[in-house]
Structures are given as C-alpha cells and as structure tokens.
Amino acid sequence: ESLDATCRRVDLRSGDVEEALGQAGEPWVTMLADGADAVIQEAGPLFLCLPNGEVLKNGQKERWMLEYELNYWKDVKPPSDATRQRLEESLWAPLQRLNSGFAPTEDVAVWWAAPEA
C-alpha cells in the first residue's frame, strides 16, 4: 500500500488542501472556510492528515515528528479479515456485552473495573 493511501502531507500552498482537510473532519473544513490563515494559525503551513482523522500540526517546526509519523503509517498494515473477526469475537463483543449489561455496585463503580473485564 502506498504512503498516499495511508496519510497525507499537506502544504497550504498546494492544490489538495480542501480534499485533505475534508478527510480530517468538520472542524478543519470549517476553519478552511475562514481562509488559509485560520488553518495556518492553528496547524502551521505544513501538516499531516492521518488516516484516523487526526492532524499532526506544525510539520515545518517538528520535522522529526512528521518523518516519524510518515514512516509509521507507511509501515502499518491493516489487520486481515480473519484477525478483525477474531478480535471482534474474543475481545470487542464480550466487552460490549459487559458494558451494556453493567449495573454499578458498591465494590465496582465502572464496568471496566469489573473482574470479568
């Protein structure tokens, strides 16, 4: 998978700013509507839009962090369908059942502190 498919480096002087910020989410699109200066004030002129919608700000100042994130996202491989299914069945579904059926007691106030968790 290419680096472009996992994260995007955004330079406000480039033409793909609106598309990249659109993927980063509503607050960034709204900020861009106020003009590039609003985005620059918040994130700097060079930043990274990560696949999870987060924005790594101020890439021009924190180049080491930008390079680290680029390398990380380039090397991360999404889990296989079998792995996702196994995690759903063995981890996420049981935790969801525990969460949805939990009733606090004097000894256990939150579901994630229950012995079953």
PDB file of N, CA and C in Angstrom:
ATOM      1  N   GLU A   1       0.853  -1.183   0.000  1.00  0.00           N
ATOM      2  CA  GLU A   1       0.000   0.000   0.000  1.00  0.00           C
ATOM      3  C   GLU A   1       0.892   1.238   0.000  1.00  0.00           C
ATOM      4  N   SER A   2       0.531   2.209  -0.780  1.00  0.00           N
ATOM      5  CA  SER A   2       1.369   3.396  -0.894  1.00  0.00           C
ATOM      6  C   SER A   2       1.165   4.330   0.287  1.00  0.00           C
ATOM      7  N   LEU A   3       2.146   5.180   0.486  1.00  0.00           N
ATOM      8  CA  LEU A   3       2.077   6.167   1.557  1.00  0.00           C
ATOM      9  C   LEU A   3       0.871   7.074   1.368  1.00  0.00           C
ATOM     10  N   ASP A   4       0.552   7.432   0.125  1.00  0.00           N
ATOM     11  CA  ASP A   4      -0.577   8.312  -0.134  1.00  0.00           C
ATOM     12  C   ASP A   4      -1.905   7.705   0.309  1.00  0.00           C
ATOM     13  N   ALA A   5      -1.969   6.377   0.363  1.00  0.00           N
ATOM     14  CA  ALA A   5      -3.204   5.719   0.773  1.00  0.00           C
ATOM     15  C   ALA A   5      -3.367   5.692   2.285  1.00  0.00           C
ATOM     16  N   THR A   6      -2.303   5.958   3.037  1.00  0.00           N
ATOM     17  CA  THR A   6      -2.392   5.879   4.489  1.00  0.00           C
ATOM     18  C   THR A   6      -2.424   7.234   5.174  1.00  0.00           C
ATOM     19  N   CYS A   7      -1.674   8.197   4.689  1.00  0.00           N
ATOM     20  CA  CYS A   7      -1.693   9.529   5.288  1.00  0.00           C
ATOM     21  C   CYS A   7      -1.329  10.544   4.220  1.00  0.00           C
ATOM     22  N   ARG A   8      -1.548  11.792   4.540  1.00  0.00           N
ATOM     23  CA  ARG A   8      -1.315  12.820   3.543  1.00  0.00           C
ATOM     24  C   ARG A   8      -0.604  14.004   4.169  1.00  0.00           C
ATOM     25  N   ARG A   9       0.524  14.374   3.564  1.00  0.00           N
ATOM     26  CA  ARG A   9       1.239  15.585   3.958  1.00  0.00           C
ATOM     27  C   ARG A   9       0.567  16.740   3.236  1.00  0.00           C
ATOM     28  N   VAL A  10       0.242  17.773   3.972  1.00  0.00           N
ATOM     29  CA  VAL A  10      -0.489  18.899   3.391  1.00  0.00           C
ATOM     30  C   VAL A  10       0.344  20.161   3.508  1.00  0.00           C
ATOM     31  N   ASP A  11       0.548  20.793   2.389  1.00  0.00           N
ATOM     32  CA  ASP A  11       1.202  22.094   2.313  1.00  0.00           C
ATOM     33  C   ASP A  11       0.132  23.068   1.840  1.00  0.00           C
ATOM     34  N   LEU A  12      -0.123  24.098   2.616  1.00  0.00           N
ATOM     35  CA  LEU A  12      -1.225  25.016   2.278  1.00  0.00           C
ATOM     36  C   LEU A  12      -1.022  25.744   0.956  1.00  0.00           C
ATOM     37  N   ARG A  13       0.163  25.635   0.399  1.00  0.00           N
ATOM     38  CA  ARG A  13       0.383  26.241  -0.910  1.00  0.00           C
ATOM     39  C   ARG A  13      -0.019  25.292  -2.032  1.00  0.00           C
ATOM     40  N   SER A  14      -0.383  24.046  -1.691  1.00  0.00           N
ATOM     41  CA  SER A  14      -0.726  23.060  -2.716  1.00  0.00           C
ATOM     42  C   SER A  14      -2.209  23.125  -3.047  1.00  0.00           C
ATOM     43  N   GLY A  15      -2.600  22.411  -4.078  1.00  0.00           N
ATOM     44  CA  GLY A  15      -3.988  22.441  -4.517  1.00  0.00           C
ATOM     45  C   GLY A  15      -4.883  21.423  -3.844  1.00  0.00           C
ATOM     46  N   ASP A  16      -4.353  20.527  -3.035  1.00  0.00           N
ATOM     47  CA  ASP A  16      -5.181  19.470  -2.453  1.00  0.00           C
ATOM     48  C   ASP A  16      -5.580  19.737  -1.006  1.00  0.00           C
ATOM     49  N   VAL A  17      -5.501  20.981  -0.581  1.00  0.00           N
ATOM     50  CA  VAL A  17      -5.777  21.326   0.812  1.00  0.00           C
ATOM     51  C   VAL A  17      -7.220  21.008   1.187  1.00  0.00           C
ATOM     52  N   GLU A  18      -8.186  21.418   0.375  1.00  0.00           N
ATOM     53  CA  GLU A  18      -9.590  21.201   0.719  1.00  0.00           C
ATOM     54  C   GLU A  18      -9.907  19.717   0.827  1.00  0.00           C
ATOM     55  N   GLU A  19      -9.404  18.919  -0.093  1.00  0.00           N
ATOM     56  CA  GLU A  19      -9.659  17.483  -0.051  1.00  0.00           C
ATOM     57  C   GLU A  19      -9.040  16.846   1.194  1.00  0.00           C
ATOM     58  N   ALA A  20      -7.797  17.200   1.497  1.00  0.00           N
ATOM     59  CA  ALA A  20      -7.115  16.630   2.661  1.00  0.00           C
ATOM     60  C   ALA A  20      -7.811  17.035   3.949  1.00  0.00           C
ATOM     61  N   LEU A  21      -8.159  18.299   4.084  1.00  0.00           N
ATOM     62  CA  LEU A  21      -8.829  18.744   5.301  1.00  0.00           C
ATOM     63  C   LEU A  21     -10.239  18.177   5.388  1.00  0.00           C
ATOM     64  N   GLY A  22     -10.865  17.923   4.250  1.00  0.00           N
ATOM     65  CA  GLY A  22     -12.175  17.280   4.251  1.00  0.00           C
ATOM     66  C   GLY A  22     -12.100  15.901   4.871  1.00  0.00           C
ATOM     67  N   GLN A  23     -11.016  15.183   4.604  1.00  0.00           N
ATOM     68  CA  GLN A  23     -10.823  13.865   5.192  1.00  0.00           C
ATOM     69  C   GLN A  23     -10.504  13.979   6.680  1.00  0.00           C
ATOM     70  N   ALA A  24      -9.911  15.087   7.099  1.00  0.00           N
ATOM     71  CA  ALA A  24      -9.555  15.276   8.505  1.00  0.00           C
ATOM     72  C   ALA A  24     -10.768  15.607   9.361  1.00  0.00           C
ATOM     73  N   GLY A  25     -11.853  16.069   8.743  1.00  0.00           N
ATOM     74  CA  GLY A  25     -13.074  16.268   9.510  1.00  0.00           C
ATOM     75  C   GLY A  25     -13.597  17.688   9.512  1.00  0.00           C
ATOM     76  N   GLU A  26     -14.793  17.799  10.034  1.00  0.00           N
ATOM     77  CA  GLU A  26     -15.559  19.041  10.000  1.00  0.00           C
ATOM     78  C   GLU A  26     -14.861  20.261  10.604  1.00  0.00           C
ATOM     79  N   PRO A  27     -14.217  20.171  11.762  1.00  0.00           N
ATOM     80  CA  PRO A  27     -13.604  21.391  12.311  1.00  0.00           C
ATOM     81  C   PRO A  27     -12.583  22.017  11.354  1.00  0.00           C
ATOM     82  N   TRP A  28     -11.861  21.158  10.635  1.00  0.00           N
ATOM     83  CA  TRP A  28     -10.831  21.666   9.725  1.00  0.00           C
ATOM     84  C   TRP A  28     -11.455  22.267   8.468  1.00  0.00           C
ATOM     85  N   VAL A  29     -12.539  21.676   7.976  1.00  0.00           N
ATOM     86  CA  VAL A  29     -13.232  22.220   6.810  1.00  0.00           C
ATOM     87  C   VAL A  29     -13.795  23.592   7.154  1.00  0.00           C
ATOM     88  N   THR A  30     -14.403  23.679   8.330  1.00  0.00           N
ATOM     89  CA  THR A  30     -14.961  24.959   8.777  1.00  0.00           C
ATOM     90  C   THR A  30     -13.859  26.009   8.912  1.00  0.00           C
ATOM     91  N   MET A  31     -12.734  25.602   9.485  1.00  0.00           N
ATOM     92  CA  MET A  31     -11.617  26.526   9.649  1.00  0.00           C
ATOM     93  C   MET A  31     -11.099  26.995   8.290  1.00  0.00           C
ATOM     94  N   LEU A  32     -11.037  26.089   7.328  1.00  0.00           N
ATOM     95  CA  LEU A  32     -10.568  26.451   5.991  1.00  0.00           C
ATOM     96  C   LEU A  32     -11.522  27.445   5.334  1.00  0.00           C
ATOM     97  N   ALA A  33     -12.820  27.331   5.655  1.00  0.00           N
ATOM     98  CA  ALA A  33     -13.797  28.274   5.113  1.00  0.00           C
ATOM     99  C   ALA A  33     -13.494  29.699   5.563  1.00  0.00           C
ATOM    100  N   ASP A  34     -12.839  29.828   6.719  1.00  0.00           N
ATOM    101  CA  ASP A  34     -12.448  31.152   7.221  1.00  0.00           C
ATOM    102  C   ASP A  34     -11.173  31.649   6.556  1.00  0.00           C
ATOM    103  N   GLY A  35     -10.581  30.819   5.704  1.00  0.00           N
ATOM    104  CA  GLY A  35      -9.366  31.202   4.981  1.00  0.00           C
ATOM    105  C   GLY A  35      -8.158  30.415   5.453  1.00  0.00           C
ATOM    106  N   ALA A  36      -7.176  30.338   4.591  1.00  0.00           N
ATOM    107  CA  ALA A  36      -5.964  29.571   4.891  1.00  0.00           C
ATOM    108  C   ALA A  36      -5.244  30.115   6.120  1.00  0.00           C
ATOM    109  N   ASP A  37      -5.350  31.412   6.381  1.00  0.00           N
ATOM    110  CA  ASP A  37      -4.665  31.988   7.549  1.00  0.00           C
ATOM    111  C   ASP A  37      -5.161  31.376   8.849  1.00  0.00           C
ATOM    112  N   ALA A  38      -6.463  31.041   8.919  1.00  0.00           N
ATOM    113  CA  ALA A  38      -7.010  30.424  10.129  1.00  0.00           C
ATOM    114  C   ALA A  38      -6.398  29.043  10.338  1.00  0.00           C
ATOM    115  N   VAL A  39      -6.228  28.298   9.261  1.00  0.00           N
ATOM    116  CA  VAL A  39      -5.629  26.964   9.357  1.00  0.00           C
ATOM    117  C   VAL A  39      -4.156  27.093   9.732  1.00  0.00           C
ATOM    118  N   ILE A  40      -3.456  28.030   9.100  1.00  0.00           N
ATOM    119  CA  ILE A  40      -2.034  28.234   9.405  1.00  0.00           C
ATOM    120  C   ILE A  40      -1.857  28.595  10.876  1.00  0.00           C
ATOM    121  N   GLN A  41      -2.734  29.430  11.407  1.00  0.00           N
ATOM    122  CA  GLN A  41      -2.632  29.818  12.808  1.00  0.00           C
ATOM    123  C   GLN A  41      -2.794  28.601  13.722  1.00  0.00           C
ATOM    124  N   GLU A  42      -3.674  27.680  13.356  1.00  0.00           N
ATOM    125  CA  GLU A  42      -3.921  26.505  14.190  1.00  0.00           C
ATOM    126  C   GLU A  42      -2.918  25.386  13.960  1.00  0.00           C
ATOM    127  N   ALA A  43      -2.577  25.104  12.704  1.00  0.00           N
ATOM    128  CA  ALA A  43      -1.788  23.905  12.398  1.00  0.00           C
ATOM    129  C   ALA A  43      -0.453  24.186  11.734  1.00  0.00           C
ATOM    130  N   GLY A  44      -0.201  25.443  11.365  1.00  0.00           N
ATOM    131  CA  GLY A  44       1.028  25.738  10.632  1.00  0.00           C
ATOM    132  C   GLY A  44       0.819  25.509   9.145  1.00  0.00           C
ATOM    133  N   PRO A  45       1.773  25.932   8.325  1.00  0.00           N
ATOM    134  CA  PRO A  45       1.602  25.802   6.879  1.00  0.00           C
ATOM    135  C   PRO A  45       1.861  24.395   6.348  1.00  0.00           C
ATOM    136  N   LEU A  46       2.454  23.520   7.160  1.00  0.00           N
ATOM    137  CA  LEU A  46       2.759  22.158   6.724  1.00  0.00           C
ATOM    138  C   LEU A  46       2.324  21.200   7.825  1.00  0.00           C
ATOM    139  N   PHE A  47       1.410  20.284   7.495  1.00  0.00           N
ATOM    140  CA  PHE A  47       0.923  19.349   8.498  1.00  0.00           C
ATOM    141  C   PHE A  47       0.573  18.034   7.833  1.00  0.00           C
ATOM    142  N   LEU A  48       0.271  17.049   8.668  1.00  0.00           N
ATOM    143  CA  LEU A  48      -0.002  15.702   8.190  1.00  0.00           C
ATOM    144  C   LEU A  48      -1.402  15.299   8.619  1.00  0.00           C
ATOM    145  N   CYS A  49      -2.227  14.888   7.658  1.00  0.00           N
ATOM    146  CA  CYS A  49      -3.547  14.347   7.960  1.00  0.00           C
ATOM    147  C   CYS A  49      -3.405  12.835   8.060  1.00  0.00           C
ATOM    148  N   LEU A  50      -3.658  12.288   9.248  1.00  0.00           N
ATOM    149  CA  LEU A  50      -3.516  10.854   9.494  1.00  0.00           C
ATOM    150  C   LEU A  50      -4.801  10.123   9.115  1.00  0.00           C
ATOM    151  N   PRO A  51      -4.714   8.831   8.861  1.00  0.00           N
ATOM    152  CA  PRO A  51      -5.899   8.077   8.431  1.00  0.00           C
ATOM    153  C   PRO A  51      -7.053   8.103   9.425  1.00  0.00           C
ATOM    154  N   ASN A  52      -6.761   8.280  10.704  1.00  0.00           N
ATOM    155  CA  ASN A  52      -7.826   8.297  11.706  1.00  0.00           C
ATOM    156  C   ASN A  52      -8.472   9.678  11.847  1.00  0.00           C
ATOM    157  N   GLY A  53      -8.094  10.631  10.989  1.00  0.00           N
ATOM    158  CA  GLY A  53      -8.691  11.960  11.013  1.00  0.00           C
ATOM    159  C   GLY A  53      -7.933  12.970  11.846  1.00  0.00           C
ATOM    160  N   GLU A  54      -6.920  12.516  12.579  1.00  0.00           N
ATOM    161  CA  GLU A  54      -6.127  13.463  13.355  1.00  0.00           C
ATOM    162  C   GLU A  54      -5.218  14.261  12.425  1.00  0.00           C
ATOM    163  N   VAL A  55      -4.830  15.420  12.889  1.00  0.00           N
ATOM    164  CA  VAL A  55      -3.914  16.273  12.149  1.00  0.00           C
ATOM    165  C   VAL A  55      -2.673  16.488  12.996  1.00  0.00           C
ATOM    166  N   LEU A  56      -1.519  16.112  12.452  1.00  0.00           N
ATOM    167  CA  LEU A  56      -0.245  16.358  13.117  1.00  0.00           C
ATOM    168  C   LEU A  56       0.192  17.754  12.700  1.00  0.00           C
ATOM    169  N   LYS A  57       0.176  18.677  13.649  1.00  0.00           N
ATOM    170  CA  LYS A  57       0.382  20.093  13.363  1.00  0.00           C
ATOM    171  C   LYS A  57       1.858  20.466  13.276  1.00  0.00           C
ATOM    172  N   ASN A  58       2.102  21.604  12.657  1.00  0.00           N
ATOM    173  CA  ASN A  58       3.409  22.275  12.638  1.00  0.00           C
ATOM    174  C   ASN A  58       4.554  21.389  12.156  1.00  0.00           C
ATOM    175  N   GLY A  59       4.341  20.726  11.025  1.00  0.00           N
ATOM    176  CA  GLY A  59       5.367  19.872  10.450  1.00  0.00           C
ATOM    177  C   GLY A  59       6.632  20.633  10.095  1.00  0.00           C
ATOM    178  N   GLN A  60       6.508  21.917   9.819  1.00  0.00           N
ATOM    179  CA  GLN A  60       7.688  22.704   9.484  1.00  0.00           C
ATOM    180  C   GLN A  60       8.588  22.910  10.691  1.00  0.00           C
ATOM    181  N   LYS A  61       8.037  22.843  11.918  1.00  0.00           N
ATOM    182  CA  LYS A  61       8.835  23.009  13.131  1.00  0.00           C
ATOM    183  C   LYS A  61       9.265  21.667  13.707  1.00  0.00           C
ATOM    184  N   GLU A  62       8.381  20.699  13.627  1.00  0.00           N
ATOM    185  CA  GLU A  62       8.605  19.388  14.237  1.00  0.00           C
ATOM    186  C   GLU A  62       8.867  18.347  13.158  1.00  0.00           C
ATOM    187  N   ARG A  63       9.865  18.580  12.341  1.00  0.00           N
ATOM    188  CA  ARG A  63      10.135  17.703  11.211  1.00  0.00           C
ATOM    189  C   ARG A  63      10.369  16.248  11.639  1.00  0.00           C
ATOM    190  N   TRP A  64      11.046  16.043  12.752  1.00  0.00           N
ATOM    191  CA  TRP A  64      11.303  14.682  13.214  1.00  0.00           C
ATOM    192  C   TRP A  64       9.998  13.945  13.471  1.00  0.00           C
ATOM    193  N   MET A  65       9.003  14.648  14.037  1.00  0.00           N
ATOM    194  CA  MET A  65       7.725  14.018  14.327  1.00  0.00           C
ATOM    195  C   MET A  65       6.986  13.702  13.028  1.00  0.00           C
ATOM    196  N   LEU A  66       7.053  14.617  12.100  1.00  0.00           N
ATOM    197  CA  LEU A  66       6.429  14.407  10.800  1.00  0.00           C
ATOM    198  C   LEU A  66       7.042  13.194  10.108  1.00  0.00           C
ATOM    199  N   GLU A  67       8.354  13.089  10.105  1.00  0.00           N
ATOM    200  CA  GLU A  67       9.021  11.955   9.481  1.00  0.00           C
ATOM    201  C   GLU A  67       8.690  10.651  10.206  1.00  0.00           C
ATOM    202  N   TYR A  68       8.633  10.693  11.530  1.00  0.00           N
ATOM    203  CA  TYR A  68       8.271   9.506  12.305  1.00  0.00           C
ATOM    204  C   TYR A  68       6.883   9.033  11.904  1.00  0.00           C
ATOM    205  N   GLU A  69       5.911   9.935  11.867  1.00  0.00           N
ATOM    206  CA  GLU A  69       4.541   9.568  11.517  1.00  0.00           C
ATOM    207  C   GLU A  69       4.452   9.046  10.084  1.00  0.00           C
ATOM    208  N   LEU A  70       5.143   9.690   9.165  1.00  0.00           N
ATOM    209  CA  LEU A  70       5.140   9.210   7.782  1.00  0.00           C
ATOM    210  C   LEU A  70       5.670   7.782   7.702  1.00  0.00           C
ATOM    211  N   ASN A  71       6.777   7.522   8.362  1.00  0.00           N
ATOM    212  CA  ASN A  71       7.343   6.172   8.352  1.00  0.00           C
ATOM    213  C   ASN A  71       6.424   5.177   9.044  1.00  0.00           C
ATOM    214  N   TYR A  72       5.829   5.574  10.159  1.00  0.00           N
ATOM    215  CA  TYR A  72       4.930   4.683  10.891  1.00  0.00           C
ATOM    216  C   TYR A  72       3.740   4.289  10.020  1.00  0.00           C
ATOM    217  N   TRP A  73       3.059   5.281   9.464  1.00  0.00           N
ATOM    218  CA  TRP A  73       1.863   4.990   8.684  1.00  0.00           C
ATOM    219  C   TRP A  73       2.195   4.262   7.385  1.00  0.00           C
ATOM    220  N   LYS A  74       3.390   4.449   6.884  1.00  0.00           N
ATOM    221  CA  LYS A  74       3.811   3.726   5.685  1.00  0.00           C
ATOM    222  C   LYS A  74       3.968   2.238   5.998  1.00  0.00           C
ATOM    223  N   ASP A  75       4.462   1.925   7.183  1.00  0.00           N
ATOM    224  CA  ASP A  75       4.764   0.546   7.544  1.00  0.00           C
ATOM    225  C   ASP A  75       3.601  -0.209   8.190  1.00  0.00           C
ATOM    226  N   VAL A  76       2.621   0.497   8.704  1.00  0.00           N
ATOM    227  CA  VAL A  76       1.496  -0.157   9.364  1.00  0.00           C
ATOM    228  C   VAL A  76       0.634  -0.865   8.316  1.00  0.00           C
ATOM    229  N   LYS A  77       0.348  -2.110   8.575  1.00  0.00           N
ATOM    230  CA  LYS A  77      -0.515  -2.893   7.695  1.00  0.00           C
ATOM    231  C   LYS A  77      -1.845  -3.113   8.399  1.00  0.00           C
ATOM    232  N   PRO A  78      -2.951  -2.881   7.728  1.00  0.00           N
ATOM    233  CA  PRO A  78      -4.239  -3.121   8.376  1.00  0.00           C
ATOM    234  C   PRO A  78      -4.408  -4.610   8.672  1.00  0.00           C
ATOM    235  N   PRO A  79      -5.162  -4.943   9.719  1.00  0.00           N
ATOM    236  CA  PRO A  79      -5.348  -6.356  10.065  1.00  0.00           C
ATOM    237  C   PRO A  79      -6.156  -7.071   8.984  1.00  0.00           C
ATOM    238  N   SER A  80      -5.932  -8.352   8.884  1.00  0.00           N
ATOM    239  CA  SER A  80      -6.679  -9.175   7.919  1.00  0.00           C
ATOM    240  C   SER A  80      -8.120  -9.313   8.385  1.00  0.00           C
ATOM    241  N   ASP A  81      -8.990  -9.778   7.488  1.00  0.00           N
ATOM    242  CA  ASP A  81     -10.387 -10.013   7.859  1.00  0.00           C
ATOM    243  C   ASP A  81     -10.487 -11.044   8.973  1.00  0.00           C
ATOM    244  N   ALA A  82      -9.645 -12.072   8.910  1.00  0.00           N
ATOM    245  CA  ALA A  82      -9.659 -13.109   9.943  1.00  0.00           C
ATOM    246  C   ALA A  82      -9.260 -12.530  11.301  1.00  0.00           C
ATOM    247  N   THR A  83      -8.259 -11.659  11.319  1.00  0.00           N
ATOM    248  CA  THR A  83      -7.825 -11.035  12.569  1.00  0.00           C
ATOM    249  C   THR A  83      -8.919 -10.128  13.119  1.00  0.00           C
ATOM    250  N   ARG A  84      -9.545  -9.347  12.267  1.00  0.00           N
ATOM    251  CA  ARG A  84     -10.640  -8.472  12.712  1.00  0.00           C
ATOM    252  C   ARG A  84     -11.785  -9.295  13.303  1.00  0.00           C
ATOM    253  N   GLN A  85     -12.120 -10.401  12.645  1.00  0.00           N
ATOM    254  CA  GLN A  85     -13.200 -11.265  13.141  1.00  0.00           C
ATOM    255  C   GLN A  85     -12.826 -11.873  14.491  1.00  0.00           C
ATOM    256  N   ARG A  86     -11.589 -12.346  14.622  1.00  0.00           N
ATOM    257  CA  ARG A  86     -11.130 -12.940  15.880  1.00  0.00           C
ATOM    258  C   ARG A  86     -11.192 -11.921  17.010  1.00  0.00           C
ATOM    259  N   LEU A  87     -10.732 -10.687  16.749  1.00  0.00           N
ATOM    260  CA  LEU A  87     -10.776  -9.635  17.777  1.00  0.00           C
ATOM    261  C   LEU A  87     -12.213  -9.283  18.146  1.00  0.00           C
ATOM    262  N   GLU A  88     -13.076  -9.225  17.150  1.00  0.00           N
ATOM    263  CA  GLU A  88     -14.481  -8.926  17.417  1.00  0.00           C
ATOM    264  C   GLU A  88     -15.089  -9.979  18.336  1.00  0.00           C
ATOM    265  N   GLU A  89     -14.849 -11.255  18.013  1.00  0.00           N
ATOM    266  CA  GLU A  89     -15.453 -12.347  18.782  1.00  0.00           C
ATOM    267  C   GLU A  89     -14.825 -12.525  20.163  1.00  0.00           C
ATOM    268  N   SER A  90     -13.505 -12.362  20.246  1.00  0.00           N
ATOM    269  CA  SER A  90     -12.831 -12.668  21.514  1.00  0.00           C
ATOM    270  C   SER A  90     -12.633 -11.464  22.429  1.00  0.00           C
ATOM    271  N   LEU A  91     -12.749 -10.245  21.883  1.00  0.00           N
ATOM    272  CA  LEU A  91     -12.463  -9.065  22.700  1.00  0.00           C
ATOM    273  C   LEU A  91     -13.587  -8.038  22.669  1.00  0.00           C
ATOM    274  N   TRP A  92     -13.900  -7.495  21.485  1.00  0.00           N
ATOM    275  CA  TRP A  92     -14.828  -6.365  21.412  1.00  0.00           C
ATOM    276  C   TRP A  92     -16.259  -6.758  21.795  1.00  0.00           C
ATOM    277  N   ALA A  93     -16.755  -7.883  21.273  1.00  0.00           N
ATOM    278  CA  ALA A  93     -18.133  -8.286  21.596  1.00  0.00           C
ATOM    279  C   ALA A  93     -18.299  -8.591  23.082  1.00  0.00           C
ATOM    280  N   PRO A  94     -17.391  -9.366  23.704  1.00  0.00           N
ATOM    281  CA  PRO A  94     -17.550  -9.590  25.150  1.00  0.00           C
ATOM    282  C   PRO A  94     -17.485  -8.300  25.974  1.00  0.00           C
ATOM    283  N   LEU A  95     -16.595  -7.391  25.598  1.00  0.00           N
ATOM    284  CA  LEU A  95     -16.527  -6.119  26.330  1.00  0.00           C
ATOM    285  C   LEU A  95     -17.796  -5.302  26.131  1.00  0.00           C
ATOM    286  N   GLN A  96     -18.350  -5.318  24.915  1.00  0.00           N
ATOM    287  CA  GLN A  96     -19.587  -4.589  24.661  1.00  0.00           C
ATOM    288  C   GLN A  96     -20.741  -5.171  25.482  1.00  0.00           C
ATOM    289  N   ARG A  97     -20.806  -6.511  25.566  1.00  0.00           N
ATOM    290  CA  ARG A  97     -21.845  -7.148  26.385  1.00  0.00           C
ATOM    291  C   ARG A  97     -21.693  -6.743  27.847  1.00  0.00           C
ATOM    292  N   LEU A  98     -20.465  -6.747  28.335  1.00  0.00           N
ATOM    293  CA  LEU A  98     -20.209  -6.351  29.723  1.00  0.00           C
ATOM    294  C   LEU A  98     -20.622  -4.899  29.941  1.00  0.00           C
ATOM    295  N   ASN A  99     -20.272  -4.030  29.033  1.00  0.00           N
ATOM    296  CA  ASN A  99     -20.604  -2.612  29.143  1.00  0.00           C
ATOM    297  C   ASN A  99     -22.111  -2.397  29.129  1.00  0.00           C
ATOM    298  N   SER A 100     -22.800  -3.029  28.183  1.00  0.00           N
ATOM    299  CA  SER A 100     -24.235  -2.781  28.044  1.00  0.00           C
ATOM    300  C   SER A 100     -25.045  -3.389  29.188  1.00  0.00           C
ATOM    301  N   GLY A 101     -24.538  -4.456  29.810  1.00  0.00           N
ATOM    302  CA  GLY A 101     -25.291  -5.094  30.885  1.00  0.00           C
ATOM    303  C   GLY A 101     -24.811  -4.728  32.269  1.00  0.00           C
ATOM    304  N   PHE A 102     -23.930  -3.776  32.388  1.00  0.00           N
ATOM    305  CA  PHE A 102     -23.320  -3.461  33.681  1.00  0.00           C
ATOM    306  C   PHE A 102     -24.233  -2.614  34.556  1.00  0.00           C
ATOM    307  N   ALA A 103     -24.295  -2.977  35.824  1.00  0.00           N
ATOM    308  CA  ALA A 103     -25.000  -2.178  36.833  1.00  0.00           C
ATOM    309  C   ALA A 103     -23.997  -1.911  37.958  1.00  0.00           C
ATOM    310  N   PRO A 104     -23.714  -0.647  38.271  1.00  0.00           N
ATOM    311  CA  PRO A 104     -22.727  -0.326  39.312  1.00  0.00           C
ATOM    312  C   PRO A 104     -23.122  -0.902  40.671  1.00  0.00           C
ATOM    313  N   THR A 105     -22.097  -1.270  41.425  1.00  0.00           N
ATOM    314  CA  THR A 105     -22.302  -1.744  42.798  1.00  0.00           C
ATOM    315  C   THR A 105     -21.393  -0.926  43.714  1.00  0.00           C
ATOM    316  N   GLU A 106     -21.468  -1.211  44.999  1.00  0.00           N
ATOM    317  CA  GLU A 106     -20.581  -0.505  45.935  1.00  0.00           C
ATOM    318  C   GLU A 106     -19.120  -0.824  45.660  1.00  0.00           C
ATOM    319  N   ASP A 107     -18.863  -2.067  45.264  1.00  0.00           N
ATOM    320  CA  ASP A 107     -17.480  -2.502  45.043  1.00  0.00           C
ATOM    321  C   ASP A 107     -16.946  -2.131  43.661  1.00  0.00           C
ATOM    322  N   VAL A 108     -17.818  -2.105  42.670  1.00  0.00           N
ATOM    323  CA  VAL A 108     -17.383  -1.847  41.291  1.00  0.00           C
ATOM    324  C   VAL A 108     -18.263  -0.746  40.700  1.00  0.00           C
ATOM    325  N   ALA A 109     -17.683   0.442  40.534  1.00  0.00           N
ATOM    326  CA  ALA A 109     -18.456   1.591  40.080  1.00  0.00           C
ATOM    327  C   ALA A 109     -18.507   1.712  38.558  1.00  0.00           C
ATOM    328  N   VAL A 110     -17.508   1.173  37.866  1.00  0.00           N
ATOM    329  CA  VAL A 110     -17.453   1.295  36.404  1.00  0.00           C
ATOM    330  C   VAL A 110     -17.251  -0.091  35.792  1.00  0.00           C
ATOM    331  N   TRP A 111     -17.788  -0.300  34.605  1.00  0.00           N
ATOM    332  CA  TRP A 111     -17.772  -1.641  34.004  1.00  0.00           C
ATOM    333  C   TRP A 111     -16.373  -2.156  33.735  1.00  0.00           C
ATOM    334  N   TRP A 112     -15.423  -1.287  33.392  1.00  0.00           N
ATOM    335  CA  TRP A 112     -14.082  -1.765  33.039  1.00  0.00           C
ATOM    336  C   TRP A 112     -13.272  -2.194  34.269  1.00  0.00           C
ATOM    337  N   ALA A 113     -13.812  -1.915  35.468  1.00  0.00           N
ATOM    338  CA  ALA A 113     -13.139  -2.363  36.689  1.00  0.00           C
ATOM    339  C   ALA A 113     -13.708  -3.697  37.183  1.00  0.00           C
ATOM    340  N   ALA A 114     -14.734  -4.195  36.492  1.00  0.00           N
ATOM    341  CA  ALA A 114     -15.319  -5.474  36.896  1.00  0.00           C
ATOM    342  C   ALA A 114     -14.325  -6.603  36.655  1.00  0.00           C
ATOM    343  N   PRO A 115     -14.323  -7.614  37.506  1.00  0.00           N
ATOM    344  CA  PRO A 115     -13.387  -8.732  37.334  1.00  0.00           C
ATOM    345  C   PRO A 115     -13.496  -9.399  35.972  1.00  0.00           C
ATOM    346  N   GLU A 116     -14.694  -9.418  35.388  1.00  0.00           N
ATOM    347  CA  GLU A 116     -14.885 -10.047  34.083  1.00  0.00           C
ATOM    348  C   GLU A 116     -14.148  -9.302  32.967  1.00  0.00           C
ATOM    349  N   ALA A 117     -13.932  -8.024  33.146  1.00  0.00           N
ATOM    350  CA  ALA A 117     -13.253  -7.236  32.118  1.00  0.00           C
ATOM    351  C   ALA A 117     -11.808  -7.652  32.042  1.00  0.00           C
TER     352      ALA A 117
END
